[in-house]
Amino acid sequence: MSDDHEETESDGAHREEFAHDPVGHARVEAGMSVGELLETYDDAGIGAADVHEAGDVLAEMFGNEECTVFLSLAGAMVPAGMRRIVSELIRDGYVDALVTTGANLTHDAIEAIGGNHHHGRTHDPERSLREHDETLRDEGVDRIYNVYLPQEHFAAFESHLREEVFPAVEGEEAVSIAELCAALGRANAAVNDREEVSADAGVAAAAYECDVPVYCPAIQDSVLGLQAWMYAQTADVSLDALADMTPLTDLAFDADDAGCLLVGGGVPKNFTLQTMLVTPRAYDYAVQITMDPEATGGLSGATLEEARSWGKLEKDARNASVYGDATVLLPLLIAAARERVE
């Protein structure tokens, strides 16, 4: 063995990409808080290290009182049981704008007025996969993976829209989608209180009560949007799809610092990120939870580093991405961040 080789092995400084920072081992102890658990992830590698970094960035973002926070919410987060986490973030002042899907708003309203999602199963061992879903169809049950929703709840939701929501936005002039979402939140809160519904009034109601705007750029892609279109066939209701752009970009333009929490991908993610393209600034913080790979070139799996190339993130922005089920990761990250801030 040559002297040069011995020197290289004994002196890490000669290695091009190396720092003396050995991987440690996470620990688990009885009585640990979620925040303490995530702190031990800092010693570990692979996904655990990413989760620790995401929790760290999120805590810094939430703890920065000068930071305007945008929450992007895609996927079946409300049917899966994440509704209260989001509504409490809004009520406790951690969110300044919500960008979400019409589906999440639909399911949020269903629970606000007394409906429930139910535990189901992805298949019936006594039937084929197709027969299982055909049986659910015959029984009037809609399936979202392992969550069931009786179709009569949609009928109640449609009545709610026609009696409590749409009349509030009727008129000769078109209204913004955010105004419709505010009317939905107001109606959800009113019915929830009047009917003494056991579940809380939910996400849209919390946003309405806390004056947090809700943007739903693909509202047509939902039962909410479908019902708005049907109602408009016989009433003076018209939505202006571009009307939200000015208040949304004003919010970004006026922010001292800006941060985003992106749960899932799709339209809400891009709508949230592209807001910065028409401002002289970009996001200072960004945390992403996704299950999509970047190699497909799709927006849902695109990395936040890629977003930096577009000017959606500041060059020195703190950002982190975690890959996995948002119904598992979102509660962990929110609990750890809130623990640190509060």
C-alpha atoms as a PDB file:
ATOM      1  CA  MET A   1       0.000   0.000   0.000  1.00  0.00           C
ATOM      2  CA  SER A   2       1.440   3.378  -1.027  1.00  0.00           C
ATOM      3  CA  ASP A   3       1.951   6.320   1.309  1.00  0.00           C
ATOM      4  CA  ASP A   4      -0.486   8.347  -0.840  1.00  0.00           C
ATOM      5  CA  HIS A   5      -3.232   5.780  -0.299  1.00  0.00           C
ATOM      6  CA  GLU A   6      -2.646   5.697   3.442  1.00  0.00           C
ATOM      7  CA  GLU A   7      -2.854   9.505   3.580  1.00  0.00           C
ATOM      8  CA  THR A   8      -6.137   9.542   1.665  1.00  0.00           C
ATOM      9  CA  GLU A   9      -7.746   7.039   4.027  1.00  0.00           C
ATOM     10  CA  SER A  10      -6.530   8.795   7.153  1.00  0.00           C
ATOM     11  CA  ASP A  11      -7.382  12.312   6.040  1.00  0.00           C
ATOM     12  CA  GLY A  12     -11.047  12.848   5.091  1.00  0.00           C
ATOM     13  CA  ALA A  13     -10.268  16.354   3.858  1.00  0.00           C
ATOM     14  CA  HIS A  14      -8.791  14.833   0.682  1.00  0.00           C
ATOM     15  CA  ARG A  15     -12.131  13.303  -0.276  1.00  0.00           C
ATOM     16  CA  GLU A  16     -14.108  15.478  -2.651  1.00  0.00           C
ATOM     17  CA  GLU A  17     -17.501  14.888  -1.015  1.00  0.00           C
ATOM     18  CA  PHE A  18     -17.019  13.993   2.600  1.00  0.00           C
ATOM     19  CA  ALA A  19     -17.541  15.481   6.011  1.00  0.00           C
ATOM     20  CA  HIS A  20     -16.919  13.748   9.309  1.00  0.00           C
ATOM     21  CA  ASP A  21     -20.600  13.446  10.178  1.00  0.00           C
ATOM     22  CA  PRO A  22     -21.311   9.765  10.819  1.00  0.00           C
ATOM     23  CA  VAL A  23     -24.860   8.443  10.712  1.00  0.00           C
ATOM     24  CA  GLY A  24     -26.243   7.833  14.178  1.00  0.00           C
ATOM     25  CA  HIS A  25     -29.236   5.860  15.337  1.00  0.00           C
ATOM     26  CA  ALA A  26     -32.683   7.126  16.171  1.00  0.00           C
ATOM     27  CA  ARG A  27     -33.934   6.205  19.605  1.00  0.00           C
ATOM     28  CA  VAL A  28     -37.399   5.530  20.927  1.00  0.00           C
ATOM     29  CA  GLU A  29     -38.279   5.879  24.591  1.00  0.00           C
ATOM     30  CA  ALA A  30     -41.539   5.587  26.490  1.00  0.00           C
ATOM     31  CA  GLY A  31     -43.202   8.944  26.920  1.00  0.00           C
ATOM     32  CA  MET A  32     -41.396  10.709  24.083  1.00  0.00           C
ATOM     33  CA  SER A  33     -43.278  13.513  22.354  1.00  0.00           C
ATOM     34  CA  VAL A  34     -43.598  13.587  18.576  1.00  0.00           C
ATOM     35  CA  GLY A  35     -41.187  16.515  18.469  1.00  0.00           C
ATOM     36  CA  GLU A  36     -38.604  14.605  20.476  1.00  0.00           C
ATOM     37  CA  LEU A  37     -38.974  11.607  18.172  1.00  0.00           C
ATOM     38  CA  LEU A  38     -38.415  13.720  15.071  1.00  0.00           C
ATOM     39  CA  GLU A  39     -35.345  15.257  16.692  1.00  0.00           C
ATOM     40  CA  THR A  40     -33.741  11.812  16.917  1.00  0.00           C
ATOM     41  CA  TYR A  41     -34.329  11.404  13.170  1.00  0.00           C
ATOM     42  CA  ASP A  42     -31.569  13.982  12.697  1.00  0.00           C
ATOM     43  CA  ASP A  43     -29.045  11.250  13.501  1.00  0.00           C
ATOM     44  CA  ALA A  44     -30.480   8.857  10.921  1.00  0.00           C
ATOM     45  CA  GLY A  45     -30.419   8.766   7.124  1.00  0.00           C
ATOM     46  CA  ILE A  46     -32.641   8.261   4.080  1.00  0.00           C
ATOM     47  CA  GLY A  47     -36.316   9.159   4.714  1.00  0.00           C
ATOM     48  CA  ALA A  48     -35.869   9.817   8.422  1.00  0.00           C
ATOM     49  CA  ALA A  49     -33.368  12.582   7.692  1.00  0.00           C
ATOM     50  CA  ASP A  50     -35.808  14.133   5.199  1.00  0.00           C
ATOM     51  CA  VAL A  51     -38.641  14.068   7.738  1.00  0.00           C
ATOM     52  CA  HIS A  52     -36.417  15.759  10.317  1.00  0.00           C
ATOM     53  CA  GLU A  53     -35.437  18.454   7.831  1.00  0.00           C
ATOM     54  CA  ALA A  54     -39.067  19.029   6.847  1.00  0.00           C
ATOM     55  CA  GLY A  55     -40.084  19.382  10.498  1.00  0.00           C
ATOM     56  CA  ASP A  56     -37.254  21.835  11.043  1.00  0.00           C
ATOM     57  CA  VAL A  57     -38.216  24.005   8.058  1.00  0.00           C
ATOM     58  CA  LEU A  58     -41.909  23.907   8.983  1.00  0.00           C
ATOM     59  CA  ALA A  59     -41.195  24.953  12.561  1.00  0.00           C
ATOM     60  CA  GLU A  60     -39.070  27.875  11.384  1.00  0.00           C
ATOM     61  CA  MET A  61     -41.808  28.905   8.929  1.00  0.00           C
ATOM     62  CA  PHE A  62     -44.570  28.708  11.560  1.00  0.00           C
ATOM     63  CA  GLY A  63     -42.419  30.489  14.109  1.00  0.00           C
ATOM     64  CA  ASN A  64     -41.668  33.436  11.813  1.00  0.00           C
ATOM     65  CA  GLU A  65     -44.358  35.991  12.623  1.00  0.00           C
ATOM     66  CA  GLU A  66     -43.454  37.953   9.482  1.00  0.00           C
ATOM     67  CA  CYS A  67     -44.083  34.946   7.234  1.00  0.00           C
ATOM     68  CA  THR A  68     -47.237  34.661   5.112  1.00  0.00           C
ATOM     69  CA  VAL A  69     -48.090  30.949   4.917  1.00  0.00           C
ATOM     70  CA  PHE A  70     -49.858  29.322   1.966  1.00  0.00           C
ATOM     71  CA  LEU A  71     -51.277  25.817   2.489  1.00  0.00           C
ATOM     72  CA  SER A  72     -51.867  23.669  -0.590  1.00  0.00           C
ATOM     73  CA  LEU A  73     -54.131  20.688   0.070  1.00  0.00           C
ATOM     74  CA  ALA A  74     -54.772  18.012  -2.549  1.00  0.00           C
ATOM     75  CA  GLY A  75     -55.851  14.381  -2.357  1.00  0.00           C
ATOM     76  CA  ALA A  76     -58.531  12.824  -0.174  1.00  0.00           C
ATOM     77  CA  MET A  77     -57.335  14.496   3.006  1.00  0.00           C
ATOM     78  CA  VAL A  78     -60.778  15.270   4.436  1.00  0.00           C
ATOM     79  CA  PRO A  79     -62.311  11.815   3.813  1.00  0.00           C
ATOM     80  CA  ALA A  80     -59.174  10.246   5.288  1.00  0.00           C
ATOM     81  CA  GLY A  81     -59.578  12.059   8.615  1.00  0.00           C
ATOM     82  CA  MET A  82     -57.193  15.024   8.312  1.00  0.00           C
ATOM     83  CA  ARG A  83     -59.955  17.651   8.485  1.00  0.00           C
ATOM     84  CA  ARG A  84     -59.450  18.768  12.084  1.00  0.00           C
ATOM     85  CA  ILE A  85     -55.693  19.172  11.666  1.00  0.00           C
ATOM     86  CA  VAL A  86     -56.270  21.658   8.847  1.00  0.00           C
ATOM     87  CA  SER A  87     -59.119  23.566  10.534  1.00  0.00           C
ATOM     88  CA  GLU A  88     -57.085  23.940  13.736  1.00  0.00           C
ATOM     89  CA  LEU A  89     -54.071  25.230  11.795  1.00  0.00           C
ATOM     90  CA  ILE A  90     -56.344  27.900  10.351  1.00  0.00           C
ATOM     91  CA  ARG A  91     -58.035  28.765  13.662  1.00  0.00           C
ATOM     92  CA  ASP A  92     -54.699  28.992  15.471  1.00  0.00           C
ATOM     93  CA  GLY A  93     -53.274  31.449  12.963  1.00  0.00           C
ATOM     94  CA  TYR A  94     -50.768  29.274  11.126  1.00  0.00           C
ATOM     95  CA  VAL A  95     -52.336  29.628   7.656  1.00  0.00           C
ATOM     96  CA  ASP A  96     -52.899  32.847   5.702  1.00  0.00           C
ATOM     97  CA  ALA A  97     -54.319  31.310   2.517  1.00  0.00           C
ATOM     98  CA  LEU A  98     -55.638  27.857   1.614  1.00  0.00           C
ATOM     99  CA  VAL A  99     -55.503  26.420  -1.896  1.00  0.00           C
ATOM    100  CA  THR A 100     -57.420  23.171  -2.202  1.00  0.00           C
ATOM    101  CA  THR A 101     -59.657  20.989  -4.347  1.00  0.00           C
ATOM    102  CA  GLY A 102     -63.400  21.104  -4.751  1.00  0.00           C
ATOM    103  CA  ALA A 103     -63.454  17.512  -3.528  1.00  0.00           C
ATOM    104  CA  ASN A 104     -61.950  18.410  -0.147  1.00  0.00           C
ATOM    105  CA  LEU A 105     -64.440  21.285   0.191  1.00  0.00           C
ATOM    106  CA  THR A 106     -67.293  18.947  -0.743  1.00  0.00           C
ATOM    107  CA  HIS A 107     -66.378  16.331   1.861  1.00  0.00           C
ATOM    108  CA  ASP A 108     -65.664  19.043   4.446  1.00  0.00           C
ATOM    109  CA  ALA A 109     -69.186  20.442   3.988  1.00  0.00           C
ATOM    110  CA  ILE A 110     -70.766  16.993   4.186  1.00  0.00           C
ATOM    111  CA  GLU A 111     -69.272  16.490   7.635  1.00  0.00           C
ATOM    112  CA  ALA A 112     -70.073  20.064   8.698  1.00  0.00           C
ATOM    113  CA  ILE A 113     -73.798  19.483   8.130  1.00  0.00           C
ATOM    114  CA  GLY A 114     -73.903  16.095   9.846  1.00  0.00           C
ATOM    115  CA  GLY A 115     -72.697  13.487   7.374  1.00  0.00           C
ATOM    116  CA  ASN A 116     -69.969  10.967   8.133  1.00  0.00           C
ATOM    117  CA  HIS A 117     -67.349   9.048   6.250  1.00  0.00           C
ATOM    118  CA  HIS A 118     -67.046   5.436   7.342  1.00  0.00           C
ATOM    119  CA  HIS A 119     -64.307   2.828   7.620  1.00  0.00           C
ATOM    120  CA  GLY A 120     -64.533   0.462   4.676  1.00  0.00           C
ATOM    121  CA  ARG A 121     -62.325  -2.041   2.901  1.00  0.00           C
ATOM    122  CA  THR A 122     -60.611  -2.173  -0.440  1.00  0.00           C
ATOM    123  CA  HIS A 123     -62.058  -5.585  -1.304  1.00  0.00           C
ATOM    124  CA  ASP A 124     -64.326  -8.355  -0.103  1.00  0.00           C
ATOM    125  CA  PRO A 125     -62.501 -11.710   0.210  1.00  0.00           C
ATOM    126  CA  GLU A 126     -65.686 -13.512  -0.855  1.00  0.00           C
ATOM    127  CA  ARG A 127     -66.021 -11.518  -4.082  1.00  0.00           C
ATOM    128  CA  SER A 128     -63.791 -10.362  -6.909  1.00  0.00           C
ATOM    129  CA  LEU A 129     -62.578  -6.764  -6.815  1.00  0.00           C
ATOM    130  CA  ARG A 130     -65.095  -5.847  -9.489  1.00  0.00           C
ATOM    131  CA  GLU A 131     -67.972  -7.608  -7.737  1.00  0.00           C
ATOM    132  CA  HIS A 132     -67.100  -5.807  -4.500  1.00  0.00           C
ATOM    133  CA  ASP A 133     -67.476  -2.376  -6.077  1.00  0.00           C
ATOM    134  CA  GLU A 134     -70.516  -3.429  -8.077  1.00  0.00           C
ATOM    135  CA  THR A 135     -72.164  -4.421  -4.791  1.00  0.00           C
ATOM    136  CA  LEU A 136     -71.290  -1.057  -3.266  1.00  0.00           C
ATOM    137  CA  ARG A 137     -72.809   0.625  -6.310  1.00  0.00           C
ATOM    138  CA  ASP A 138     -76.044  -1.335  -5.870  1.00  0.00           C
ATOM    139  CA  GLU A 139     -76.120  -0.408  -2.182  1.00  0.00           C
ATOM    140  CA  GLY A 140     -75.557   3.303  -2.828  1.00  0.00           C
ATOM    141  CA  VAL A 141     -72.090   3.515  -1.282  1.00  0.00           C
ATOM    142  CA  ASP A 142     -69.140   5.402  -2.790  1.00  0.00           C
ATOM    143  CA  ARG A 143     -65.625   4.125  -2.043  1.00  0.00           C
ATOM    144  CA  ILE A 144     -62.447   6.172  -1.577  1.00  0.00           C
ATOM    145  CA  TYR A 145     -59.848   3.416  -1.132  1.00  0.00           C
ATOM    146  CA  ASN A 146     -60.780   2.107   2.355  1.00  0.00           C
ATOM    147  CA  VAL A 147     -63.282   4.846   3.190  1.00  0.00           C
ATOM    148  CA  TYR A 148     -67.008   4.599   2.434  1.00  0.00           C
ATOM    149  CA  LEU A 149     -69.490   7.428   1.922  1.00  0.00           C
ATOM    150  CA  PRO A 150     -73.240   6.751   1.584  1.00  0.00           C
ATOM    151  CA  GLN A 151     -74.670   8.539  -1.442  1.00  0.00           C
ATOM    152  CA  GLU A 152     -77.504  10.074   0.577  1.00  0.00           C
ATOM    153  CA  HIS A 153     -74.904  12.423   2.046  1.00  0.00           C
ATOM    154  CA  PHE A 154     -74.383  13.885  -1.415  1.00  0.00           C
ATOM    155  CA  ALA A 155     -78.124  14.502  -1.678  1.00  0.00           C
ATOM    156  CA  ALA A 156     -78.020  16.364   1.646  1.00  0.00           C
ATOM    157  CA  PHE A 157     -74.994  18.321   0.421  1.00  0.00           C
ATOM    158  CA  GLU A 158     -76.777  19.326  -2.787  1.00  0.00           C
ATOM    159  CA  SER A 159     -79.768  20.587  -0.775  1.00  0.00           C
ATOM    160  CA  HIS A 160     -77.374  22.494   1.481  1.00  0.00           C
ATOM    161  CA  LEU A 161     -75.831  24.232  -1.518  1.00  0.00           C
ATOM    162  CA  ARG A 162     -79.184  25.164  -3.053  1.00  0.00           C
ATOM    163  CA  GLU A 163     -80.762  26.365   0.179  1.00  0.00           C
ATOM    164  CA  GLU A 164     -77.860  27.866   2.127  1.00  0.00           C
ATOM    165  CA  VAL A 165     -74.933  28.608  -0.187  1.00  0.00           C
ATOM    166  CA  PHE A 166     -75.806  29.485  -3.780  1.00  0.00           C
ATOM    167  CA  PRO A 167     -78.534  32.047  -2.965  1.00  0.00           C
ATOM    168  CA  ALA A 168     -75.864  34.108  -1.165  1.00  0.00           C
ATOM    169  CA  VAL A 169     -73.877  34.569  -4.395  1.00  0.00           C
ATOM    170  CA  GLU A 170     -76.780  35.120  -6.777  1.00  0.00           C
ATOM    171  CA  GLY A 171     -76.796  38.353  -8.753  1.00  0.00           C
ATOM    172  CA  GLU A 172     -76.067  39.920 -12.101  1.00  0.00           C
ATOM    173  CA  GLU A 173     -72.331  40.170 -11.524  1.00  0.00           C
ATOM    174  CA  ALA A 174     -69.961  37.206 -11.517  1.00  0.00           C
ATOM    175  CA  VAL A 175     -68.334  36.356  -8.181  1.00  0.00           C
ATOM    176  CA  SER A 176     -64.903  34.935  -7.492  1.00  0.00           C
ATOM    177  CA  ILE A 177     -64.415  31.336  -6.470  1.00  0.00           C
ATOM    178  CA  ALA A 178     -63.008  32.601  -3.153  1.00  0.00           C
ATOM    179  CA  GLU A 179     -66.312  34.422  -2.540  1.00  0.00           C
ATOM    180  CA  LEU A 180     -68.204  31.191  -3.185  1.00  0.00           C
ATOM    181  CA  CYS A 181     -65.881  29.368  -0.771  1.00  0.00           C
ATOM    182  CA  ALA A 182     -66.530  32.047   1.852  1.00  0.00           C
ATOM    183  CA  ALA A 183     -70.285  31.613   1.379  1.00  0.00           C
ATOM    184  CA  LEU A 184     -69.809  27.869   1.779  1.00  0.00           C
ATOM    185  CA  GLY A 185     -67.845  28.357   5.004  1.00  0.00           C
ATOM    186  CA  ARG A 186     -70.461  30.741   6.403  1.00  0.00           C
ATOM    187  CA  ALA A 187     -73.284  28.295   5.591  1.00  0.00           C
ATOM    188  CA  ASN A 188     -71.372  25.309   6.985  1.00  0.00           C
ATOM    189  CA  ALA A 189     -70.826  27.145  10.275  1.00  0.00           C
ATOM    190  CA  ALA A 190     -74.444  28.272  10.481  1.00  0.00           C
ATOM    191  CA  VAL A 191     -75.963  24.844   9.832  1.00  0.00           C
ATOM    192  CA  ASN A 192     -73.421  23.127  12.074  1.00  0.00           C
ATOM    193  CA  ASP A 193     -74.422  25.392  14.953  1.00  0.00           C
ATOM    194  CA  ARG A 194     -78.143  25.359  14.237  1.00  0.00           C
ATOM    195  CA  GLU A 195     -78.361  21.574  13.937  1.00  0.00           C
ATOM    196  CA  GLU A 196     -75.939  21.016  16.855  1.00  0.00           C
ATOM    197  CA  VAL A 197     -73.800  18.695  14.747  1.00  0.00           C
ATOM    198  CA  SER A 198     -71.344  16.734  16.889  1.00  0.00           C
ATOM    199  CA  ALA A 199     -68.449  17.199  14.443  1.00  0.00           C
ATOM    200  CA  ASP A 200     -66.869  20.657  14.232  1.00  0.00           C
ATOM    201  CA  ALA A 201     -67.781  23.027  11.425  1.00  0.00           C
ATOM    202  CA  GLY A 202     -64.572  22.232   9.597  1.00  0.00           C
ATOM    203  CA  VAL A 203     -62.090  23.772   7.201  1.00  0.00           C
ATOM    204  CA  ALA A 204     -64.197  26.177   5.123  1.00  0.00           C
ATOM    205  CA  ALA A 205     -65.984  27.426   8.244  1.00  0.00           C
ATOM    206  CA  ALA A 206     -62.691  28.033  10.062  1.00  0.00           C
ATOM    207  CA  ALA A 207     -61.359  29.941   7.061  1.00  0.00           C
ATOM    208  CA  TYR A 208     -64.514  32.065   6.859  1.00  0.00           C
ATOM    209  CA  GLU A 209     -64.482  32.862  10.581  1.00  0.00           C
ATOM    210  CA  CYS A 210     -60.755  33.702  10.553  1.00  0.00           C
ATOM    211  CA  ASP A 211     -60.899  35.712   7.307  1.00  0.00           C
ATOM    212  CA  VAL A 212     -58.520  33.305   5.575  1.00  0.00           C
ATOM    213  CA  PRO A 213     -59.170  33.156   1.819  1.00  0.00           C
ATOM    214  CA  VAL A 214     -59.848  29.761   0.247  1.00  0.00           C
ATOM    215  CA  TYR A 215     -58.861  29.338  -3.385  1.00  0.00           C
ATOM    216  CA  CYS A 216     -60.137  26.425  -5.452  1.00  0.00           C
ATOM    217  CA  PRO A 217     -58.717  26.837  -8.978  1.00  0.00           C
ATOM    218  CA  ALA A 218     -60.194  23.573 -10.325  1.00  0.00           C
ATOM    219  CA  ILE A 219     -63.601  23.821  -8.675  1.00  0.00           C
ATOM    220  CA  GLN A 220     -65.303  22.369 -11.775  1.00  0.00           C
ATOM    221  CA  ASP A 221     -63.582  19.068 -11.031  1.00  0.00           C
ATOM    222  CA  SER A 222     -65.842  18.238  -8.075  1.00  0.00           C
ATOM    223  CA  VAL A 223     -69.431  17.749  -6.978  1.00  0.00           C
ATOM    224  CA  LEU A 224     -69.306  21.319  -5.654  1.00  0.00           C
ATOM    225  CA  GLY A 225     -68.443  22.649  -9.102  1.00  0.00           C
ATOM    226  CA  LEU A 226     -70.909  20.357 -10.816  1.00  0.00           C
ATOM    227  CA  GLN A 227     -73.720  21.566  -8.584  1.00  0.00           C
ATOM    228  CA  ALA A 228     -72.735  25.212  -9.121  1.00  0.00           C
ATOM    229  CA  TRP A 229     -73.015  24.672 -12.873  1.00  0.00           C
ATOM    230  CA  MET A 230     -76.391  22.961 -12.556  1.00  0.00           C
ATOM    231  CA  TYR A 231     -77.759  25.712 -10.311  1.00  0.00           C
ATOM    232  CA  ALA A 232     -76.552  28.341 -12.778  1.00  0.00           C
ATOM    233  CA  GLN A 233     -78.770  26.860 -15.500  1.00  0.00           C
ATOM    234  CA  THR A 234     -81.838  28.367 -13.852  1.00  0.00           C
ATOM    235  CA  ALA A 235     -80.412  31.111 -11.619  1.00  0.00           C
ATOM    236  CA  ASP A 236     -78.171  34.186 -11.824  1.00  0.00           C
ATOM    237  CA  VAL A 237     -74.969  32.578 -10.549  1.00  0.00           C
ATOM    238  CA  SER A 238     -71.714  33.025 -12.417  1.00  0.00           C
ATOM    239  CA  LEU A 239     -68.134  32.389 -11.307  1.00  0.00           C
ATOM    240  CA  ASP A 240     -65.171  34.429 -12.513  1.00  0.00           C
ATOM    241  CA  ALA A 241     -62.230  32.023 -12.663  1.00  0.00           C
ATOM    242  CA  LEU A 242     -59.673  34.858 -12.962  1.00  0.00           C
ATOM    243  CA  ALA A 243     -61.027  37.071 -10.173  1.00  0.00           C
ATOM    244  CA  ASP A 244     -58.978  35.306  -7.497  1.00  0.00           C
ATOM    245  CA  MET A 245     -55.680  36.050  -9.187  1.00  0.00           C
ATOM    246  CA  THR A 246     -55.433  39.671  -8.010  1.00  0.00           C
ATOM    247  CA  PRO A 247     -56.044  39.148  -4.259  1.00  0.00           C
ATOM    248  CA  LEU A 248     -53.866  36.029  -4.263  1.00  0.00           C
ATOM    249  CA  THR A 249     -50.924  37.740  -5.952  1.00  0.00           C
ATOM    250  CA  ASP A 250     -51.437  40.828  -3.761  1.00  0.00           C
ATOM    251  CA  LEU A 251     -51.094  38.606  -0.704  1.00  0.00           C
ATOM    252  CA  ALA A 252     -47.820  37.225  -2.051  1.00  0.00           C
ATOM    253  CA  PHE A 253     -46.622  40.641  -3.223  1.00  0.00           C
ATOM    254  CA  ASP A 254     -47.177  42.242   0.186  1.00  0.00           C
ATOM    255  CA  ALA A 255     -45.577  39.427   2.217  1.00  0.00           C
ATOM    256  CA  ASP A 256     -42.403  40.241   4.145  1.00  0.00           C
ATOM    257  CA  ASP A 257     -41.490  36.548   4.045  1.00  0.00           C
ATOM    258  CA  ALA A 258     -43.476  33.794   2.333  1.00  0.00           C
ATOM    259  CA  GLY A 259     -43.737  30.077   2.949  1.00  0.00           C
ATOM    260  CA  CYS A 260     -45.771  27.184   1.609  1.00  0.00           C
ATOM    261  CA  LEU A 261     -46.768  23.751   2.849  1.00  0.00           C
ATOM    262  CA  LEU A 262     -47.658  21.579  -0.149  1.00  0.00           C
ATOM    263  CA  VAL A 263     -49.697  18.497   0.719  1.00  0.00           C
ATOM    264  CA  GLY A 264     -49.957  16.389  -2.415  1.00  0.00           C
ATOM    265  CA  GLY A 265     -49.614  17.758  -5.906  1.00  0.00           C
ATOM    266  CA  GLY A 266     -51.946  18.559  -8.756  1.00  0.00           C
ATOM    267  CA  VAL A 267     -53.537  21.928  -9.431  1.00  0.00           C
ATOM    268  CA  PRO A 268     -53.343  23.236  -5.823  1.00  0.00           C
ATOM    269  CA  LYS A 269     -49.574  22.731  -5.746  1.00  0.00           C
ATOM    270  CA  ASN A 270     -48.903  24.527  -9.016  1.00  0.00           C
ATOM    271  CA  PHE A 271     -51.418  27.288  -8.296  1.00  0.00           C
ATOM    272  CA  THR A 272     -49.655  27.960  -5.004  1.00  0.00           C
ATOM    273  CA  LEU A 273     -46.157  27.938  -6.463  1.00  0.00           C
ATOM    274  CA  GLN A 274     -46.901  29.929  -9.624  1.00  0.00           C
ATOM    275  CA  THR A 275     -48.224  32.819  -7.523  1.00  0.00           C
ATOM    276  CA  MET A 276     -44.643  33.955  -7.070  1.00  0.00           C
ATOM    277  CA  LEU A 277     -43.998  34.245 -10.804  1.00  0.00           C
ATOM    278  CA  VAL A 278     -45.731  37.624 -10.978  1.00  0.00           C
ATOM    279  CA  THR A 279     -44.137  39.115  -7.877  1.00  0.00           C
ATOM    280  CA  PRO A 280     -40.613  40.475  -7.409  1.00  0.00           C
ATOM    281  CA  ARG A 281     -39.928  37.791  -4.812  1.00  0.00           C
ATOM    282  CA  ALA A 282     -40.252  34.044  -4.209  1.00  0.00           C
ATOM    283  CA  TYR A 283     -40.923  31.629  -1.348  1.00  0.00           C
ATOM    284  CA  ASP A 284     -38.470  31.737   1.550  1.00  0.00           C
ATOM    285  CA  TYR A 285     -39.722  28.417   2.971  1.00  0.00           C
ATOM    286  CA  ALA A 286     -41.290  25.383   1.324  1.00  0.00           C
ATOM    287  CA  VAL A 287     -42.189  21.906   2.575  1.00  0.00           C
ATOM    288  CA  GLN A 288     -43.627  19.269   0.277  1.00  0.00           C
ATOM    289  CA  ILE A 289     -45.309  15.933   1.034  1.00  0.00           C
ATOM    290  CA  THR A 290     -45.765  13.761  -2.032  1.00  0.00           C
ATOM    291  CA  MET A 291     -45.811  10.148  -3.203  1.00  0.00           C
ATOM    292  CA  ASP A 292     -45.013  10.980  -6.828  1.00  0.00           C
ATOM    293  CA  PRO A 293     -41.546  10.458  -8.347  1.00  0.00           C
ATOM    294  CA  GLU A 294     -39.810  13.299 -10.127  1.00  0.00           C
ATOM    295  CA  ALA A 295     -38.630  11.168 -13.049  1.00  0.00           C
ATOM    296  CA  THR A 296     -42.032  11.268 -14.778  1.00  0.00           C
ATOM    297  CA  GLY A 297     -41.658  15.011 -15.327  1.00  0.00           C
ATOM    298  CA  GLY A 298     -45.072  15.615 -13.773  1.00  0.00           C
ATOM    299  CA  LEU A 299     -45.836  18.561 -11.547  1.00  0.00           C
ATOM    300  CA  SER A 300     -46.982  16.465  -8.587  1.00  0.00           C
ATOM    301  CA  GLY A 301     -43.567  14.835  -8.196  1.00  0.00           C
ATOM    302  CA  ALA A 302     -41.456  17.812  -9.235  1.00  0.00           C
ATOM    303  CA  THR A 303     -38.845  18.677  -6.637  1.00  0.00           C
ATOM    304  CA  LEU A 304     -38.681  22.000  -4.888  1.00  0.00           C
ATOM    305  CA  GLU A 305     -35.200  22.415  -6.340  1.00  0.00           C
ATOM    306  CA  GLU A 306     -36.842  22.353  -9.764  1.00  0.00           C
ATOM    307  CA  ALA A 307     -39.241  25.041  -8.545  1.00  0.00           C
ATOM    308  CA  ARG A 308     -36.214  27.132  -7.630  1.00  0.00           C
ATOM    309  CA  SER A 309     -35.102  27.061 -11.274  1.00  0.00           C
ATOM    310  CA  TRP A 310     -38.437  28.677 -12.209  1.00  0.00           C
ATOM    311  CA  GLY A 311     -38.018  31.448  -9.668  1.00  0.00           C
ATOM    312  CA  LYS A 312     -40.766  30.101  -7.399  1.00  0.00           C
ATOM    313  CA  LEU A 313     -38.317  29.699  -4.498  1.00  0.00           C
ATOM    314  CA  GLU A 314     -35.618  32.121  -3.436  1.00  0.00           C
ATOM    315  CA  LYS A 315     -32.108  30.881  -4.157  1.00  0.00           C
ATOM    316  CA  ASP A 316     -31.425  30.709  -0.418  1.00  0.00           C
ATOM    317  CA  ALA A 317     -34.865  29.389   0.532  1.00  0.00           C
ATOM    318  CA  ARG A 318     -35.129  26.649   3.136  1.00  0.00           C
ATOM    319  CA  ASN A 319     -36.990  23.735   1.632  1.00  0.00           C
ATOM    320  CA  ALA A 320     -37.553  20.036   2.233  1.00  0.00           C
ATOM    321  CA  SER A 321     -39.480  17.241   0.547  1.00  0.00           C
ATOM    322  CA  VAL A 322     -40.743  14.055   2.138  1.00  0.00           C
ATOM    323  CA  TYR A 323     -42.032  11.108   0.169  1.00  0.00           C
ATOM    324  CA  GLY A 324     -44.853   9.042   1.556  1.00  0.00           C
ATOM    325  CA  ASP A 325     -48.492   8.944   2.591  1.00  0.00           C
ATOM    326  CA  ALA A 326     -49.639  12.430   3.629  1.00  0.00           C
ATOM    327  CA  THR A 327     -52.171  10.946   6.055  1.00  0.00           C
ATOM    328  CA  VAL A 328     -49.194   9.560   7.999  1.00  0.00           C
ATOM    329  CA  LEU A 329     -46.666  12.349   7.524  1.00  0.00           C
ATOM    330  CA  LEU A 330     -48.793  15.483   7.851  1.00  0.00           C
ATOM    331  CA  PRO A 331     -49.876  14.841  11.478  1.00  0.00           C
ATOM    332  CA  LEU A 332     -46.287  14.019  12.477  1.00  0.00           C
ATOM    333  CA  LEU A 333     -44.845  17.161  10.908  1.00  0.00           C
ATOM    334  CA  ILE A 334     -47.572  19.455  12.193  1.00  0.00           C
ATOM    335  CA  ALA A 335     -47.342  18.034  15.720  1.00  0.00           C
ATOM    336  CA  ALA A 336     -43.562  18.411  15.808  1.00  0.00           C
ATOM    337  CA  ALA A 337     -43.589  21.929  14.372  1.00  0.00           C
ATOM    338  CA  ARG A 338     -46.350  23.140  16.678  1.00  0.00           C
ATOM    339  CA  GLU A 339     -44.606  21.596  19.672  1.00  0.00           C
ATOM    340  CA  ARG A 340     -41.471  23.553  18.915  1.00  0.00           C
ATOM    341  CA  VAL A 341     -43.240  26.843  18.196  1.00  0.00           C
ATOM    342  CA  GLU A 342     -45.701  26.683  21.086  1.00  0.00           C
END
